Amino acid sequence: MIKGLPIPVRYSELIKKEVINTCDGCRLGYVCDLEIDSMCGRINALFIPQRRKLFAKPCFLTVKWEQIERIGADMILVKLPRERSLS
């Protein structure tokens, strides 16, 4: 089960949700990938692509499962310290 939802959610539904930081209200982007523990089948982290300069190496913001506050119908609320969130 996922926090805030009474039913399991598919990956295809999860990547359509926008991630919002509750500390400062910043929109962080959309989930692009997951880190899953293959031994127990749990999600460890969400990856959100960040803006980058032309020809720069891709950069991802990692949100650990413990930092997720709520997963709603159309967004995911996370609690990240100000220095970790990018605007």
N, C-alpha and C. Protein backbone atom coordinates (compact mmCIF):
# COMPACT_ATOMS: atom_id res chain seq x y z
N MET A 1 0.84 -1.19 0.00
CA MET A 1 0.00 0.00 0.00
C MET A 1 0.87 1.24 0.00
N ILE A 2 0.37 2.32 -0.59
CA ILE A 2 1.09 3.57 -0.68
C ILE A 2 0.44 4.58 0.26
N LYS A 3 1.26 5.41 0.89
CA LYS A 3 0.76 6.40 1.84
C LYS A 3 -0.35 7.24 1.23
N GLY A 4 -1.48 7.30 1.90
CA GLY A 4 -2.56 8.17 1.46
C GLY A 4 -3.55 7.52 0.52
N LEU A 5 -3.24 6.35 0.01
CA LEU A 5 -4.15 5.69 -0.91
C LEU A 5 -4.57 4.33 -0.35
N PRO A 6 -5.84 3.99 -0.42
CA PRO A 6 -6.29 2.71 0.11
C PRO A 6 -6.01 1.52 -0.82
N ILE A 7 -5.59 1.79 -2.06
CA ILE A 7 -5.35 0.72 -3.01
C ILE A 7 -3.95 0.85 -3.61
N PRO A 8 -3.38 -0.23 -4.10
CA PRO A 8 -2.06 -0.14 -4.74
C PRO A 8 -2.10 0.75 -5.99
N VAL A 9 -0.95 1.34 -6.32
CA VAL A 9 -0.85 2.23 -7.46
C VAL A 9 0.17 1.66 -8.44
N ARG A 10 -0.15 1.72 -9.72
CA ARG A 10 0.78 1.25 -10.75
C ARG A 10 1.84 2.30 -11.03
N TYR A 11 2.98 1.83 -11.54
CA TYR A 11 4.07 2.74 -11.90
C TYR A 11 3.60 3.76 -12.93
N SER A 12 2.81 3.32 -13.90
CA SER A 12 2.33 4.22 -14.95
C SER A 12 1.45 5.34 -14.38
N GLU A 13 0.78 5.10 -13.27
CA GLU A 13 -0.01 6.14 -12.61
C GLU A 13 0.87 7.04 -11.75
N LEU A 14 1.89 6.45 -11.14
CA LEU A 14 2.77 7.19 -10.25
C LEU A 14 3.58 8.25 -11.00
N ILE A 15 4.03 7.95 -12.23
CA ILE A 15 4.85 8.91 -12.96
C ILE A 15 4.05 10.09 -13.51
N LYS A 16 2.74 10.03 -13.44
CA LYS A 16 1.90 11.14 -13.89
C LYS A 16 1.62 12.14 -12.77
N LYS A 17 2.11 11.85 -11.56
CA LYS A 17 1.85 12.71 -10.41
C LYS A 17 2.97 13.74 -10.22
N GLU A 18 2.58 14.96 -9.94
CA GLU A 18 3.55 16.03 -9.70
C GLU A 18 4.02 15.97 -8.25
N VAL A 19 5.30 16.24 -8.02
CA VAL A 19 5.88 16.20 -6.68
C VAL A 19 6.02 17.63 -6.16
N ILE A 20 5.48 17.87 -4.96
CA ILE A 20 5.49 19.19 -4.33
C ILE A 20 6.19 19.10 -2.98
N ASN A 21 7.10 20.05 -2.71
CA ASN A 21 7.78 20.11 -1.43
C ASN A 21 6.91 20.90 -0.45
N THR A 22 6.52 20.30 0.66
CA THR A 22 5.65 20.98 1.62
C THR A 22 6.40 22.00 2.47
N CYS A 23 7.72 21.94 2.50
CA CYS A 23 8.50 22.92 3.28
C CYS A 23 8.42 24.32 2.69
N ASP A 24 8.47 24.41 1.35
CA ASP A 24 8.45 25.73 0.72
C ASP A 24 7.43 25.86 -0.41
N GLY A 25 6.65 24.82 -0.66
CA GLY A 25 5.62 24.88 -1.70
C GLY A 25 6.17 24.78 -3.11
N CYS A 26 7.43 24.44 -3.26
CA CYS A 26 8.09 24.37 -4.57
C CYS A 26 7.64 23.15 -5.35
N ARG A 27 7.39 23.34 -6.65
CA ARG A 27 7.07 22.24 -7.54
C ARG A 27 8.39 21.62 -7.99
N LEU A 28 8.59 20.35 -7.70
CA LEU A 28 9.85 19.68 -7.98
C LEU A 28 9.85 18.97 -9.33
N GLY A 29 8.70 18.66 -9.86
CA GLY A 29 8.61 17.98 -11.14
C GLY A 29 7.80 16.70 -11.04
N TYR A 30 8.02 15.80 -11.98
CA TYR A 30 7.28 14.54 -12.05
C TYR A 30 8.22 13.36 -11.85
N VAL A 31 7.73 12.31 -11.24
CA VAL A 31 8.53 11.10 -11.00
C VAL A 31 8.91 10.50 -12.35
N CYS A 32 10.20 10.13 -12.50
CA CYS A 32 10.64 9.50 -13.74
C CYS A 32 11.14 8.07 -13.50
N ASP A 33 11.50 7.75 -12.25
CA ASP A 33 12.02 6.42 -11.97
C ASP A 33 11.87 6.11 -10.49
N LEU A 34 12.01 4.82 -10.16
CA LEU A 34 11.89 4.36 -8.79
C LEU A 34 13.09 3.52 -8.42
N GLU A 35 13.42 3.50 -7.14
CA GLU A 35 14.40 2.55 -6.62
C GLU A 35 13.61 1.56 -5.78
N ILE A 36 13.67 0.28 -6.15
CA ILE A 36 12.88 -0.75 -5.49
C ILE A 36 13.81 -1.77 -4.85
N ASP A 37 13.51 -2.15 -3.62
CA ASP A 37 14.25 -3.23 -2.94
C ASP A 37 13.70 -4.55 -3.47
N SER A 38 14.50 -5.26 -4.23
CA SER A 38 14.03 -6.49 -4.87
C SER A 38 13.80 -7.63 -3.88
N MET A 39 14.42 -7.54 -2.72
CA MET A 39 14.25 -8.61 -1.72
C MET A 39 12.87 -8.57 -1.07
N CYS A 40 12.38 -7.38 -0.77
CA CYS A 40 11.07 -7.28 -0.10
C CYS A 40 10.01 -6.61 -0.97
N GLY A 41 10.40 -6.07 -2.13
CA GLY A 41 9.43 -5.47 -3.05
C GLY A 41 8.93 -4.10 -2.65
N ARG A 42 9.68 -3.37 -1.83
CA ARG A 42 9.26 -2.04 -1.40
C ARG A 42 9.98 -0.96 -2.18
N ILE A 43 9.32 0.18 -2.31
CA ILE A 43 9.94 1.34 -2.95
C ILE A 43 10.84 2.03 -1.93
N ASN A 44 12.11 2.26 -2.31
CA ASN A 44 13.06 2.95 -1.43
C ASN A 44 13.13 4.44 -1.73
N ALA A 45 13.00 4.82 -3.02
CA ALA A 45 13.15 6.23 -3.39
C ALA A 45 12.47 6.51 -4.72
N LEU A 46 12.16 7.79 -4.93
CA LEU A 46 11.64 8.29 -6.20
C LEU A 46 12.71 9.17 -6.82
N PHE A 47 12.82 9.16 -8.13
CA PHE A 47 13.77 10.02 -8.83
C PHE A 47 13.00 11.02 -9.68
N ILE A 48 13.41 12.29 -9.56
CA ILE A 48 12.76 13.39 -10.29
C ILE A 48 13.83 14.09 -11.11
N PRO A 49 13.66 14.18 -12.44
CA PRO A 49 14.68 14.86 -13.25
C PRO A 49 14.70 16.36 -12.96
N GLN A 50 15.90 16.93 -12.96
CA GLN A 50 16.07 18.36 -12.71
C GLN A 50 16.51 19.06 -13.98
N ARG A 51 16.27 20.36 -14.03
CA ARG A 51 16.70 21.14 -15.19
C ARG A 51 18.21 21.07 -15.31
N ARG A 52 18.67 21.05 -16.55
CA ARG A 52 20.10 21.00 -16.78
C ARG A 52 20.47 21.85 -17.98
N LYS A 53 21.73 22.17 -18.06
CA LYS A 53 22.23 22.95 -19.18
C LYS A 53 22.44 22.02 -20.37
N LEU A 54 22.52 22.60 -21.54
CA LEU A 54 22.74 21.84 -22.75
C LEU A 54 24.04 21.06 -22.66
N PHE A 55 24.02 19.81 -23.06
CA PHE A 55 25.17 18.89 -23.05
C PHE A 55 25.68 18.55 -21.65
N ALA A 56 24.90 18.85 -20.62
CA ALA A 56 25.31 18.51 -19.25
C ALA A 56 24.82 17.11 -18.90
N LYS A 57 25.47 16.50 -17.95
CA LYS A 57 25.09 15.18 -17.47
C LYS A 57 23.71 15.27 -16.81
N PRO A 58 22.84 14.30 -17.06
CA PRO A 58 21.51 14.33 -16.42
C PRO A 58 21.63 14.36 -14.90
N CYS A 59 20.75 15.11 -14.27
CA CYS A 59 20.76 15.28 -12.82
C CYS A 59 19.38 14.91 -12.29
N PHE A 60 19.35 14.15 -11.20
CA PHE A 60 18.09 13.71 -10.63
C PHE A 60 18.03 14.07 -9.15
N LEU A 61 16.86 14.50 -8.72
CA LEU A 61 16.61 14.72 -7.30
C LEU A 61 16.09 13.40 -6.75
N THR A 62 16.69 12.90 -5.67
CA THR A 62 16.28 11.65 -5.06
C THR A 62 15.44 11.95 -3.83
N VAL A 63 14.24 11.39 -3.79
CA VAL A 63 13.35 11.54 -2.64
C VAL A 63 13.21 10.18 -1.99
N LYS A 64 13.71 10.05 -0.76
CA LYS A 64 13.62 8.78 -0.05
C LYS A 64 12.18 8.53 0.40
N TRP A 65 11.82 7.28 0.54
CA TRP A 65 10.45 6.91 0.91
C TRP A 65 10.02 7.58 2.21
N GLU A 66 10.94 7.71 3.15
CA GLU A 66 10.63 8.32 4.45
C GLU A 66 10.28 9.80 4.33
N GLN A 67 10.69 10.45 3.24
CA GLN A 67 10.43 11.87 3.04
C GLN A 67 9.07 12.13 2.40
N ILE A 68 8.40 11.09 1.96
CA ILE A 68 7.07 11.24 1.35
C ILE A 68 6.05 11.39 2.47
N GLU A 69 5.25 12.46 2.39
CA GLU A 69 4.22 12.69 3.40
C GLU A 69 2.88 12.11 2.97
N ARG A 70 2.54 12.29 1.69
CA ARG A 70 1.23 11.84 1.22
C ARG A 70 1.27 11.67 -0.28
N ILE A 71 0.62 10.62 -0.76
CA ILE A 71 0.43 10.42 -2.21
C ILE A 71 -1.06 10.54 -2.47
N GLY A 72 -1.42 11.57 -3.22
CA GLY A 72 -2.82 11.83 -3.50
C GLY A 72 -3.21 11.40 -4.90
N ALA A 73 -4.38 11.80 -5.32
CA ALA A 73 -4.91 11.42 -6.62
C ALA A 73 -4.11 12.01 -7.77
N ASP A 74 -3.56 13.24 -7.59
CA ASP A 74 -2.84 13.87 -8.70
C ASP A 74 -1.49 14.46 -8.31
N MET A 75 -1.08 14.33 -7.03
CA MET A 75 0.23 14.85 -6.63
C MET A 75 0.80 14.06 -5.47
N ILE A 76 2.11 14.24 -5.29
CA ILE A 76 2.83 13.61 -4.19
C ILE A 76 3.44 14.72 -3.35
N LEU A 77 3.14 14.72 -2.05
CA LEU A 77 3.67 15.73 -1.14
C LEU A 77 4.88 15.15 -0.43
N VAL A 78 5.99 15.87 -0.48
CA VAL A 78 7.22 15.42 0.17
C VAL A 78 7.73 16.51 1.09
N LYS A 79 8.54 16.11 2.07
CA LYS A 79 9.13 17.08 2.99
C LYS A 79 10.64 17.02 2.82
N LEU A 80 11.19 18.01 2.11
CA LEU A 80 12.63 18.11 1.86
C LEU A 80 13.15 19.39 2.47
N PRO A 81 14.32 19.34 3.11
CA PRO A 81 14.94 20.58 3.62
C PRO A 81 15.16 21.56 2.47
N ARG A 82 15.17 22.85 2.75
CA ARG A 82 15.32 23.89 1.73
C ARG A 82 16.55 23.72 0.86
N GLU A 83 17.68 23.30 1.42
CA GLU A 83 18.89 23.19 0.63
C GLU A 83 18.81 22.06 -0.39
N ARG A 84 17.93 21.07 -0.21
CA ARG A 84 17.80 19.96 -1.15
C ARG A 84 16.86 20.27 -2.30
N SER A 85 15.86 21.14 -2.08
CA SER A 85 14.89 21.41 -3.14
C SER A 85 15.45 22.41 -4.14
N LEU A 86 15.14 22.17 -5.39
CA LEU A 86 15.60 23.06 -6.46
C LEU A 86 14.41 23.76 -7.06
N SER A 87 14.53 25.05 -7.35
CA SER A 87 13.39 25.77 -7.93
C SER A 87 13.59 26.00 -9.39
